[in-house]
N, C-alpha and C. Protein backbone atom coordinates (compact mmCIF):
# COMPACT_ATOMS: atom_id res chain seq x y z
N MET A 1 -20.42 0.34 -12.61
CA MET A 1 -20.02 -1.05 -11.64
C MET A 1 -19.30 -1.83 -13.05
N THR A 2 -18.06 -2.22 -12.80
CA THR A 2 -16.94 -3.01 -13.46
C THR A 2 -17.61 -4.52 -13.51
N GLY A 3 -17.33 -4.93 -15.15
CA GLY A 3 -17.68 -6.79 -14.82
C GLY A 3 -19.34 -6.77 -14.53
N THR A 4 -19.75 -8.10 -15.21
CA THR A 4 -21.36 -7.69 -14.81
C THR A 4 -21.84 -9.21 -14.04
N ILE A 5 -22.84 -9.25 -13.18
CA ILE A 5 -23.30 -10.03 -12.47
C ILE A 5 -24.78 -10.88 -13.18
N PRO A 6 -24.34 -11.99 -12.35
CA PRO A 6 -25.67 -13.01 -13.46
C PRO A 6 -26.98 -12.22 -13.29
N VAL A 7 -27.81 -12.83 -13.91
CA VAL A 7 -29.11 -12.20 -14.15
C VAL A 7 -30.11 -12.09 -12.72
N GLN A 8 -30.23 -13.43 -12.44
CA GLN A 8 -30.69 -13.60 -11.14
C GLN A 8 -30.02 -12.33 -9.72
N TRP A 9 -29.01 -12.47 -10.20
CA TRP A 9 -28.30 -11.31 -8.85
C TRP A 9 -28.57 -9.75 -9.69
N GLU A 10 -28.71 -9.41 -10.40
CA GLU A 10 -29.22 -8.17 -10.94
C GLU A 10 -30.62 -8.07 -10.64
N ILE A 11 -31.65 -8.93 -10.61
CA ILE A 11 -32.92 -8.87 -10.00
C ILE A 11 -32.53 -8.65 -8.62
N PHE A 12 -32.07 -9.59 -7.82
CA PHE A 12 -32.36 -9.47 -6.62
C PHE A 12 -31.68 -7.99 -6.59
N ALA A 13 -30.73 -7.52 -6.77
CA ALA A 13 -30.17 -5.95 -6.62
C ALA A 13 -31.25 -4.80 -6.87
N ALA A 14 -32.14 -5.30 -7.37
CA ALA A 14 -32.57 -3.94 -8.44
C ALA A 14 -33.95 -4.22 -7.37
N GLU A 15 -34.69 -5.48 -6.91
CA GLU A 15 -35.86 -5.52 -6.06
C GLU A 15 -35.17 -4.52 -4.69
N VAL A 16 -33.84 -5.28 -4.40
CA VAL A 16 -33.54 -4.21 -2.68
C VAL A 16 -33.83 -2.84 -3.21
N ALA A 17 -32.84 -2.50 -3.95
CA ALA A 17 -32.95 -1.19 -4.48
C ALA A 17 -34.34 -0.45 -4.67
N SER A 18 -35.06 -1.03 -5.10
CA SER A 18 -36.76 -0.60 -5.38
C SER A 18 -37.33 -0.55 -3.94
N GLY A 19 -37.04 -1.22 -2.35
CA GLY A 19 -37.15 -1.47 -1.58
C GLY A 19 -38.34 -2.86 -1.25
N SER A 20 -37.91 -3.61 -1.54
CA SER A 20 -38.08 -4.59 -1.42
C SER A 20 -37.70 -5.52 -0.26
N SER A 21 -37.85 -6.28 0.61
CA SER A 21 -37.46 -7.08 1.70
C SER A 21 -36.05 -8.24 0.96
N CYS A 22 -35.09 -8.50 1.43
CA CYS A 22 -34.08 -9.12 0.89
C CYS A 22 -34.54 -10.61 0.34
N VAL A 23 -35.95 -11.13 1.42
CA VAL A 23 -36.47 -12.19 1.12
C VAL A 23 -37.34 -12.57 0.21
N GLU A 24 -37.75 -10.75 -0.02
CA GLU A 24 -39.01 -10.85 -0.82
C GLU A 24 -37.79 -10.50 -2.42
N ALA A 25 -37.28 -10.11 -2.57
CA ALA A 25 -36.16 -10.23 -3.26
C ALA A 25 -35.23 -11.71 -3.92
N ALA A 26 -35.17 -12.14 -3.02
CA ALA A 26 -34.76 -13.26 -3.48
C ALA A 26 -35.58 -13.90 -4.39
N LEU A 27 -36.58 -14.25 -3.37
CA LEU A 27 -37.91 -15.27 -4.22
C LEU A 27 -38.51 -14.50 -5.66
N SER A 28 -37.94 -13.20 -5.81
CA SER A 28 -38.66 -12.39 -7.06
C SER A 28 -37.35 -13.22 -7.86
N ALA A 29 -36.00 -13.20 -7.76
CA ALA A 29 -35.30 -14.00 -8.40
C ALA A 29 -34.92 -15.32 -8.51
N GLY A 30 -35.38 -16.00 -8.05
CA GLY A 30 -35.93 -17.14 -8.19
C GLY A 30 -34.85 -17.94 -7.11
N TYR A 31 -34.71 -17.33 -5.83
CA TYR A 31 -33.69 -18.16 -5.22
C TYR A 31 -34.73 -18.78 -4.14
N SER A 32 -34.57 -19.31 -3.30
CA SER A 32 -34.99 -19.58 -1.76
C SER A 32 -34.57 -18.64 -1.05
N ARG A 33 -35.74 -18.62 -0.13
CA ARG A 33 -36.39 -17.44 1.01
C ARG A 33 -34.20 -17.62 1.68
N ASP A 34 -33.75 -19.06 2.08
CA ASP A 34 -32.88 -18.92 2.94
C ASP A 34 -31.21 -18.48 2.15
N TYR A 35 -31.97 -18.44 0.53
CA TYR A 35 -30.29 -18.05 0.29
C TYR A 35 -30.50 -15.89 0.63
N ALA A 36 -31.62 -15.59 0.93
CA ALA A 36 -31.39 -14.29 0.70
C ALA A 36 -30.07 -13.33 1.59
N GLU A 37 -29.92 -13.85 2.79
CA GLU A 37 -28.76 -13.48 3.02
C GLU A 37 -27.59 -13.70 2.99
N ASP A 38 -27.25 -14.73 1.93
CA ASP A 38 -26.09 -15.31 1.54
C ASP A 38 -26.06 -13.84 0.24
N LEU A 39 -27.04 -13.48 -0.28
CA LEU A 39 -26.89 -12.57 -1.24
C LEU A 39 -26.42 -11.27 -1.33
N ILE A 40 -27.03 -10.98 -0.02
CA ILE A 40 -26.69 -9.32 0.32
C ILE A 40 -25.41 -9.20 0.73
N GLN A 41 -24.87 -10.11 1.37
CA GLN A 41 -23.39 -10.10 1.82
C GLN A 41 -22.57 -10.44 0.93
N ARG A 42 -22.64 -10.31 -0.58
CA ARG A 42 -21.80 -10.94 -1.31
C ARG A 42 -21.33 -8.94 -1.58
N PRO A 43 -20.12 -8.83 -1.94
CA PRO A 43 -19.14 -7.50 -2.62
C PRO A 43 -20.30 -6.84 -3.82
N GLU A 44 -20.29 -8.15 -4.45
CA GLU A 44 -20.64 -7.78 -5.99
C GLU A 44 -22.14 -7.29 -6.24
N VAL A 45 -22.76 -7.84 -4.82
CA VAL A 45 -24.47 -7.45 -5.14
C VAL A 45 -24.57 -6.04 -4.47
N ARG A 46 -24.27 -6.30 -3.16
CA ARG A 46 -23.92 -4.86 -2.33
C ARG A 46 -23.58 -3.86 -3.18
N ALA A 47 -22.38 -3.69 -3.89
CA ALA A 47 -21.84 -2.32 -4.88
C ALA A 47 -22.82 -2.39 -5.90
N ARG A 48 -24.06 -3.47 -6.55
CA ARG A 48 -24.58 -3.15 -7.74
C ARG A 48 -26.05 -1.91 -6.63
N ILE A 49 -26.47 -2.61 -5.82
CA ILE A 49 -27.57 -2.21 -4.88
C ILE A 49 -27.17 -0.79 -5.06
N ASP A 50 -25.83 -0.10 -4.54
CA ASP A 50 -25.93 1.08 -4.05
C ASP A 50 -25.38 1.87 -5.38
N GLU A 51 -25.33 1.32 -6.03
CA GLU A 51 -25.34 1.79 -7.76
C GLU A 51 -26.29 2.19 -8.24
N LEU A 52 -27.12 1.16 -8.11
CA LEU A 52 -28.55 1.36 -8.27
C LEU A 52 -29.35 2.26 -7.39
N ILE A 53 -29.26 2.41 -6.60
CA ILE A 53 -29.93 3.32 -5.52
C ILE A 53 -29.37 4.65 -5.73
N ALA A 54 -28.07 4.63 -6.33
CA ALA A 54 -27.36 6.39 -6.64
C ALA A 54 -27.97 6.99 -8.00
N ALA A 55 -28.30 5.56 -9.15
CA ALA A 55 -29.18 5.95 -10.04
C ALA A 55 -30.24 6.58 -10.11
N ARG A 56 -30.68 5.91 -8.67
CA ARG A 56 -32.39 5.87 -9.04
C ARG A 56 -32.55 7.72 -8.49
N GLN A 57 -31.59 7.68 -7.53
CA GLN A 57 -31.29 9.40 -7.28
C GLN A 57 -31.30 10.10 -8.65
N VAL A 58 -30.62 9.98 -8.97
CA VAL A 58 -30.35 10.63 -10.21
C VAL A 58 -31.77 10.88 -11.25
N GLU A 59 -31.83 10.33 -11.49
CA GLU A 59 -32.95 10.04 -12.67
C GLU A 59 -34.28 10.48 -12.13
N SER A 60 -35.04 10.65 -13.13
CA SER A 60 -36.09 11.65 -12.92
C SER A 60 -37.48 10.93 -13.54
N GLY A 61 -38.19 10.77 -13.39
CA GLY A 61 -39.74 10.52 -13.71
C GLY A 61 -40.14 9.40 -12.56
N VAL A 62 -41.06 8.76 -12.87
CA VAL A 62 -41.43 8.04 -12.18
C VAL A 62 -40.94 6.43 -11.74
N THR A 63 -40.35 5.93 -13.01
CA THR A 63 -39.99 4.34 -13.21
C THR A 63 -38.95 4.43 -13.73
N SER A 64 -37.18 3.52 -13.30
CA SER A 64 -36.05 3.85 -13.18
C SER A 64 -36.29 3.03 -15.35
N ARG A 65 -34.67 3.28 -15.58
CA ARG A 65 -34.59 1.78 -16.72
C ARG A 65 -34.70 0.48 -16.43
N ILE A 66 -33.71 0.87 -15.05
CA ILE A 66 -33.27 -0.20 -14.18
C ILE A 66 -34.93 -0.90 -13.54
N TRP A 67 -35.50 -0.51 -12.95
CA TRP A 67 -36.99 -1.30 -12.56
C TRP A 67 -37.35 -1.72 -13.76
N THR A 68 -37.60 -1.31 -14.97
CA THR A 68 -38.59 -1.46 -15.85
C THR A 68 -37.63 -2.93 -16.56
N GLU A 69 -35.94 -2.61 -16.67
CA GLU A 69 -35.44 -3.91 -17.18
C GLU A 69 -35.67 -5.51 -16.39
N VAL A 70 -36.14 -4.86 -15.17
CA VAL A 70 -36.36 -5.90 -13.91
C VAL A 70 -37.76 -6.35 -14.11
N GLN A 71 -39.13 -5.99 -14.23
CA GLN A 71 -40.28 -6.02 -15.06
C GLN A 71 -40.08 -7.06 -16.06
N MET A 72 -39.49 -6.58 -16.78
CA MET A 72 -39.91 -7.30 -17.89
C MET A 72 -38.94 -8.53 -17.89
N VAL A 73 -38.04 -8.70 -17.41
CA VAL A 73 -37.47 -10.33 -16.88
C VAL A 73 -38.93 -10.86 -16.30
N ARG A 74 -39.34 -10.24 -15.56
CA ARG A 74 -39.88 -11.08 -14.39
C ARG A 74 -41.13 -11.51 -15.31
N ILE A 75 -41.44 -10.47 -16.17
CA ILE A 75 -42.92 -11.07 -17.18
C ILE A 75 -42.17 -12.01 -18.07
N ILE A 76 -41.29 -12.10 -18.50
CA ILE A 76 -40.62 -12.89 -19.11
C ILE A 76 -40.79 -14.46 -18.60
N LYS A 77 -40.09 -14.63 -17.39
CA LYS A 77 -40.03 -15.70 -16.51
C LYS A 77 -41.61 -15.98 -16.44
N ASP A 78 -42.00 -15.54 -15.83
CA ASP A 78 -43.60 -16.03 -15.34
C ASP A 78 -44.15 -16.24 -16.54
N ALA A 79 -43.84 -15.68 -18.27
CA ALA A 79 -44.89 -16.01 -19.01
C ALA A 79 -44.10 -17.36 -19.46
N MET A 80 -42.56 -17.56 -19.85
CA MET A 80 -42.22 -18.83 -20.27
C MET A 80 -42.53 -19.46 -19.12
N ASN A 81 -42.92 -19.70 -17.37
CA ASN A 81 -42.87 -21.31 -16.88
C ASN A 81 -44.19 -21.13 -16.26
N GLY A 82 -45.33 -20.49 -16.70
CA GLY A 82 -46.26 -19.59 -15.69
C GLY A 82 -46.73 -19.44 -14.08
N VAL A 83 -47.33 -19.45 -13.87
CA VAL A 83 -47.04 -19.03 -12.21
C VAL A 83 -48.66 -19.54 -11.41
N PRO A 84 -48.03 -20.64 -10.41
CA PRO A 84 -49.19 -21.71 -10.05
C PRO A 84 -50.17 -20.56 -9.27
N GLU A 85 -51.05 -21.14 -9.24
CA GLU A 85 -52.74 -19.94 -8.14
C GLU A 85 -51.84 -20.74 -6.39
N LYS A 86 -52.73 -19.32 -6.17
CA LYS A 86 -52.34 -19.40 -5.01
C LYS A 86 -53.32 -20.07 -3.88
N LEU A 87 -53.61 -20.92 -2.98
CA LEU A 87 -54.82 -20.96 -1.75
C LEU A 87 -54.60 -20.47 -0.82
N GLY A 88 -55.70 -19.68 -0.06
CA GLY A 88 -55.45 -18.89 1.17
C GLY A 88 -55.95 -20.33 1.98
N PRO A 89 -55.80 -19.85 3.56
CA PRO A 89 -56.34 -21.00 4.22
C PRO A 89 -57.32 -21.77 4.53
N ASP A 90 -58.07 -21.27 4.04
CA ASP A 90 -60.06 -22.02 3.79
C ASP A 90 -59.74 -22.69 1.92
N SER A 91 -58.29 -22.61 1.74
CA SER A 91 -59.12 -23.29 0.63
C SER A 91 -59.26 -22.80 -0.69
N LYS A 92 -59.51 -20.85 -0.35
CA LYS A 92 -59.94 -20.46 -1.50
C LYS A 92 -59.03 -20.22 -2.89
N VAL A 93 -58.65 -19.23 -3.45
CA VAL A 93 -57.70 -18.74 -4.40
C VAL A 93 -57.65 -17.73 -3.75
N THR A 94 -56.34 -17.13 -3.84
CA THR A 94 -56.28 -15.77 -3.25
C THR A 94 -55.23 -15.11 -4.54
N ASP A 95 -54.55 -15.84 -5.43
CA ASP A 95 -53.70 -15.30 -6.81
C ASP A 95 -54.06 -16.54 -7.58
N PRO A 96 -55.03 -16.08 -8.53
CA PRO A 96 -55.29 -16.82 -9.66
C PRO A 96 -54.21 -17.55 -10.62
N GLY A 97 -52.95 -16.42 -10.21
CA GLY A 97 -51.33 -17.67 -10.85
C GLY A 97 -51.49 -16.61 -12.06
N ILE A 98 -50.61 -17.37 -13.34
CA ILE A 98 -50.25 -16.73 -14.84
C ILE A 98 -50.28 -18.26 -15.52
N PRO A 99 -50.85 -18.93 -16.45
CA PRO A 99 -50.69 -19.75 -17.31
C PRO A 99 -49.72 -19.38 -18.30
N ARG A 100 -48.90 -20.96 -18.58
CA ARG A 100 -47.79 -20.44 -19.58
C ARG A 100 -48.30 -19.97 -20.85
N ASP A 101 -47.24 -18.73 -21.31
CA ASP A 101 -48.08 -18.22 -22.53
C ASP A 101 -46.37 -17.61 -23.48
N ARG A 102 -46.05 -18.32 -24.57
CA ARG A 102 -45.25 -17.77 -24.90
C ARG A 102 -45.08 -17.10 -26.14
N SER A 103 -46.52 -16.99 -26.41
CA SER A 103 -46.61 -15.43 -27.07
C SER A 103 -46.45 -14.13 -26.37
N LEU A 104 -46.63 -13.76 -25.13
CA LEU A 104 -46.71 -13.21 -24.27
C LEU A 104 -45.01 -12.85 -23.83
N ALA A 105 -44.64 -14.43 -23.59
CA ALA A 105 -42.87 -14.10 -23.51
C ALA A 105 -42.46 -13.64 -24.92
N ARG A 106 -42.78 -13.83 -25.73
CA ARG A 106 -42.03 -13.30 -27.31
C ARG A 106 -41.95 -12.14 -27.09
N LEU A 107 -43.05 -11.20 -26.86
CA LEU A 107 -43.52 -9.94 -26.86
C LEU A 107 -42.34 -9.26 -26.17
N ALA A 108 -42.55 -9.83 -25.01
CA ALA A 108 -41.48 -9.04 -23.81
C ALA A 108 -40.49 -8.82 -23.98
N ILE A 109 -39.71 -10.81 -24.46
CA ILE A 109 -38.49 -10.56 -25.07
C ILE A 109 -38.12 -9.40 -26.05
N MET A 110 -38.95 -9.41 -27.16
CA MET A 110 -38.75 -8.03 -28.18
C MET A 110 -38.86 -6.71 -27.43
N ASP A 111 -39.47 -6.50 -26.82
CA ASP A 111 -39.47 -5.30 -26.11
C ASP A 111 -38.60 -4.83 -24.74
N LEU A 112 -37.95 -5.97 -24.53
CA LEU A 112 -36.36 -6.12 -23.65
C LEU A 112 -35.80 -5.70 -24.47
N ALA A 113 -35.20 -6.24 -25.74
CA ALA A 113 -34.24 -6.15 -27.07
C ALA A 113 -34.52 -4.60 -27.17
N LYS A 114 -35.77 -4.42 -27.54
CA LYS A 114 -35.58 -2.85 -27.91
C LYS A 114 -35.41 -1.86 -27.02
N LEU A 115 -35.80 -1.64 -25.28
CA LEU A 115 -35.29 -1.49 -24.53
C LEU A 115 -33.98 -1.30 -24.19
N LYS A 116 -33.07 -2.19 -24.47
CA LYS A 116 -31.77 -2.49 -24.09
C LYS A 116 -30.73 -2.15 -25.59
N GLY A 117 -31.26 -1.58 -26.74
CA GLY A 117 -31.30 -1.20 -28.20
C GLY A 117 -30.80 -2.59 -29.02
N TYR A 118 -30.83 -3.53 -28.82
CA TYR A 118 -29.93 -4.71 -29.39
C TYR A 118 -31.04 -4.59 -30.75
N VAL A 119 -32.55 -4.47 -30.32
CA VAL A 119 -33.18 -3.96 -32.02
C VAL A 119 -33.67 -2.95 -31.90
N VAL A 120 -33.35 -2.51 -32.74
CA VAL A 120 -33.75 -0.98 -33.54
C VAL A 120 -34.78 -1.01 -34.32
N GLU A 121 -36.33 -0.06 -34.42
CA GLU A 121 -36.54 -0.51 -35.15
C GLU A 121 -36.62 0.44 -36.70
N ARG A 122 -37.04 0.12 -37.66
CA ARG A 122 -36.35 1.22 -38.88
C ARG A 122 -38.16 1.53 -39.72
N LYS A 123 -37.89 2.96 -39.74
CA LYS A 123 -39.23 3.29 -40.15
C LYS A 123 -39.31 3.50 -41.82
N LEU A 124 -40.25 1.91 -42.13
CA LEU A 124 -40.59 2.32 -43.48
C LEU A 124 -40.78 3.62 -44.37
N GLY A 125 -39.64 3.53 -45.29
CA GLY A 125 -39.97 4.94 -45.80
C GLY A 125 -41.27 4.43 -47.36
N ASP A 126 -41.65 5.95 -47.61
CA ASP A 126 -42.46 5.51 -48.66
C ASP A 126 -41.70 5.64 -49.66
N SER A 127 -41.97 4.83 -50.81
CA SER A 127 -41.01 4.57 -51.83
C SER A 127 -42.16 4.30 -52.78
N ARG A 128 -43.21 4.96 -53.00
CA ARG A 128 -44.07 4.62 -53.89
C ARG A 128 -43.56 5.82 -55.01
N LYS A 129 -43.90 5.69 -56.42
CA LYS A 129 -43.98 6.40 -57.50
C LYS A 129 -44.63 7.07 -57.78
N ILE A 130 -44.63 8.36 -57.57
CA ILE A 130 -45.79 9.56 -58.22
C ILE A 130 -45.28 10.48 -58.98
N ASP A 131 -46.68 10.58 -60.07
CA ASP A 131 -46.64 11.43 -60.74
C ASP A 131 -46.88 12.90 -60.18
N LEU A 132 -45.95 13.88 -59.87
CA LEU A 132 -46.48 14.80 -59.19
C LEU A 132 -47.21 15.98 -60.36
N GLY A 133 -47.12 15.50 -61.76
CA GLY A 133 -48.19 16.53 -62.20
C GLY A 133 -49.57 16.17 -62.42
N LYS A 134 -49.67 15.17 -61.75
CA LYS A 134 -51.02 14.74 -61.85
C LYS A 134 -51.50 15.04 -60.02
N ILE A 135 -50.79 15.98 -59.30
CA ILE A 135 -51.27 16.35 -57.81
C ILE A 135 -51.50 17.30 -57.59
N GLY A 136 -52.48 17.76 -56.97
CA GLY A 136 -52.76 19.38 -57.05
C GLY A 136 -52.15 20.03 -55.86
N PRO A 137 -51.91 20.88 -56.03
CA PRO A 137 -51.03 21.88 -54.72
C PRO A 137 -51.42 21.84 -53.41
N ALA A 138 -52.70 21.93 -53.03
CA ALA A 138 -53.18 21.72 -51.84
C ALA A 138 -52.51 20.34 -51.32
N GLU A 139 -52.82 19.06 -51.99
CA GLU A 139 -52.42 17.80 -51.73
C GLU A 139 -50.59 17.51 -51.38
N LEU A 140 -50.30 18.01 -52.83
CA LEU A 140 -48.64 18.33 -52.88
C LEU A 140 -47.90 18.98 -51.04
N SER A 141 -49.15 19.98 -51.02
CA SER A 141 -48.36 20.35 -50.17
C SER A 141 -48.48 19.78 -48.62
N ALA A 142 -49.69 19.00 -48.61
CA ALA A 142 -49.79 18.29 -47.63
C ALA A 142 -48.85 17.00 -47.37
N MET A 143 -48.28 16.62 -48.63
CA MET A 143 -47.85 15.40 -48.69
C MET A 143 -46.63 16.33 -47.97
N LEU A 144 -46.22 16.99 -48.78
CA LEU A 144 -44.75 17.83 -47.88
C LEU A 144 -44.21 18.17 -46.63
N ASP A 145 -45.58 18.59 -46.18
CA ASP A 145 -45.87 18.96 -44.50
C ASP A 145 -45.63 17.72 -43.86
N ALA A 146 -46.11 16.82 -44.35
CA ALA A 146 -46.03 15.40 -43.36
C ALA A 146 -44.84 14.65 -43.37
N GLN A 147 -44.19 14.56 -44.78
CA GLN A 147 -42.43 14.66 -44.65
C GLN A 147 -41.45 15.36 -43.46
N LEU A 148 -42.30 16.95 -43.83
CA LEU A 148 -41.57 17.97 -42.75
C LEU A 148 -41.46 17.24 -41.48
N VAL A 149 -42.74 17.09 -40.91
CA VAL A 149 -42.41 16.98 -39.55
C VAL A 149 -41.67 15.81 -39.24
N GLU A 150 -40.35 15.02 -40.17
CA GLU A 150 -40.08 14.23 -39.96
C GLU A 150 -38.94 14.42 -39.16
N LEU A 151 -38.41 15.62 -39.88
CA LEU A 151 -37.46 16.80 -40.11
C LEU A 151 -36.55 17.12 -38.98
N ALA A 152 -35.71 17.71 -38.14
CA ALA A 152 -35.18 18.27 -37.30
C ALA A 152 -35.49 19.92 -37.83
N PRO A 153 -36.36 20.96 -37.00
CA PRO A 153 -36.26 21.88 -37.46
C PRO A 153 -35.70 22.65 -38.26
N GLY A 154 -33.88 22.83 -38.21
CA GLY A 154 -32.98 23.27 -38.84
C GLY A 154 -32.76 22.57 -40.32
N GLU A 155 -33.08 21.29 -40.36
CA GLU A 155 -33.48 20.98 -41.79
C GLU A 155 -34.88 21.12 -42.36
N ARG A 156 -35.46 21.36 -41.66
CA ARG A 156 -37.01 21.94 -42.02
C ARG A 156 -37.00 23.28 -42.89
N ALA A 157 -35.89 23.92 -41.76
CA ALA A 157 -35.86 25.58 -42.44
C ALA A 157 -35.23 25.62 -43.92
N LYS A 158 -34.14 24.46 -43.82
CA LYS A 158 -33.70 24.78 -45.38
C LYS A 158 -34.21 24.48 -46.09
N ILE A 159 -35.25 23.17 -45.85
CA ILE A 159 -36.33 22.79 -46.96
C ILE A 159 -37.08 23.79 -47.83
N LYS A 160 -37.64 24.41 -46.49
CA LYS A 160 -38.23 25.16 -46.65
C LYS A 160 -38.08 26.64 -47.59
N ALA A 161 -36.47 26.94 -47.13
CA ALA A 161 -36.12 28.01 -47.93
C ALA A 161 -36.13 27.79 -48.99
N ILE A 162 -35.56 26.41 -49.71
CA ILE A 162 -35.36 26.08 -50.89
C ILE A 162 -36.67 26.31 -51.74
N ALA A 163 -37.36 25.89 -50.88
CA ALA A 163 -39.37 25.73 -51.79
C ALA A 163 -39.06 27.35 -52.11
N ARG A 164 -38.82 27.72 -51.47
CA ARG A 164 -39.23 29.79 -51.52
C ARG A 164 -38.50 29.94 -52.74
N GLY A 165 -37.66 29.23 -53.04
CA GLY A 165 -36.07 30.25 -53.86
C GLY A 165 -35.19 30.45 -53.91
N ARG A 166 -34.71 29.98 -52.31
CA ARG A 166 -33.35 29.68 -51.91
C ARG A 166 -32.59 29.09 -52.61
N GLN A 167 -31.61 28.36 -53.42
CA GLN A 167 -31.47 27.94 -53.85
C GLN A 167 -29.92 27.07 -53.22
N HIS A 168 -29.71 27.81 -52.64
CA HIS A 168 -28.06 27.81 -51.92
C HIS A 168 -27.64 27.44 -50.52
N SER A 169 -27.48 26.68 -49.52
CA SER A 169 -27.85 26.58 -48.36
C SER A 169 -27.37 27.70 -47.11
N ASP A 170 -26.05 28.49 -48.08
CA ASP A 170 -25.23 29.53 -47.27
C ASP A 170 -26.41 30.97 -47.67
N GLU A 171 -27.55 30.90 -48.55
CA GLU A 171 -29.03 32.12 -48.98
C GLU A 171 -29.83 31.73 -47.59
N VAL A 172 -29.52 30.52 -47.10
CA VAL A 172 -31.12 30.22 -45.85
C VAL A 172 -30.84 30.95 -44.91
N ILE A 173 -32.15 31.54 -44.74
CA ILE A 173 -32.20 32.27 -43.32
C ILE A 173 -32.93 31.83 -42.33
N GLU A 174 -32.73 32.24 -40.69
CA GLU A 174 -33.71 31.62 -40.12
C GLU A 174 -35.10 31.74 -39.84
N LEU A 175 -35.75 30.80 -40.45
CA LEU A 175 -37.62 31.15 -40.43
C LEU A 175 -37.65 31.06 -39.26
N ALA A 176 -39.15 31.92 -38.74
CA ALA A 176 -39.94 31.69 -37.48
C ALA A 176 -40.13 30.24 -37.42
N PRO A 177 -40.14 30.45 -36.02
CA PRO A 177 -40.63 28.40 -35.79
C PRO A 177 -42.28 28.70 -35.77
N GLU A 178 -42.19 27.66 -36.22
CA GLU A 178 -44.00 27.22 -36.22
C GLU A 178 -44.16 26.00 -35.21
N ALA A 179 -46.01 26.39 -34.87
CA ALA A 179 -46.28 25.78 -33.78
C ALA A 179 -45.97 24.11 -33.84
N GLY A 180 -45.06 23.44 -32.68
CA GLY A 180 -44.99 22.64 -32.82
C GLY A 180 -43.23 22.05 -32.69
N ASP A 181 -42.86 23.42 -33.30
CA ASP A 181 -41.21 23.48 -33.59
C ASP A 181 -40.75 23.48 -32.29
């Protein structure tokens, strides 16, 4: 879909595409139940619902990325504002509600940012200085194997070939794949 729609419309569209009624979707998006019919009639919202339904049919797996994003936004909203408890007709608590929790909101915001690609975690490399002369062959081999696991299979094969005495990459031959490759 070209252009963007407001986050609340996105939540509404994702809820409807997931099978919620228009009223349920409007309430999830923070609108009143009376606004549900107006939202479903908007061409931009209708187009987004159709797009999400088509994407869900293409995606494999239990959940879609859109559904996950909507759930993260819902968690953020609930954690930032809290959700009041609901009472039944007999004045007993039917839903305990959710207290405000800024820490949970921050974690959910970070998770959503990672999901959308705004935050990329970098793996810290091991920058210790090691005297290789003081390390036994078995320990050195274990350290090398731990680092090799991080590489792509082709790169792993090149390094193993060099370690076996083949100094040039044009001399590298294809090694038999190891377990886990």
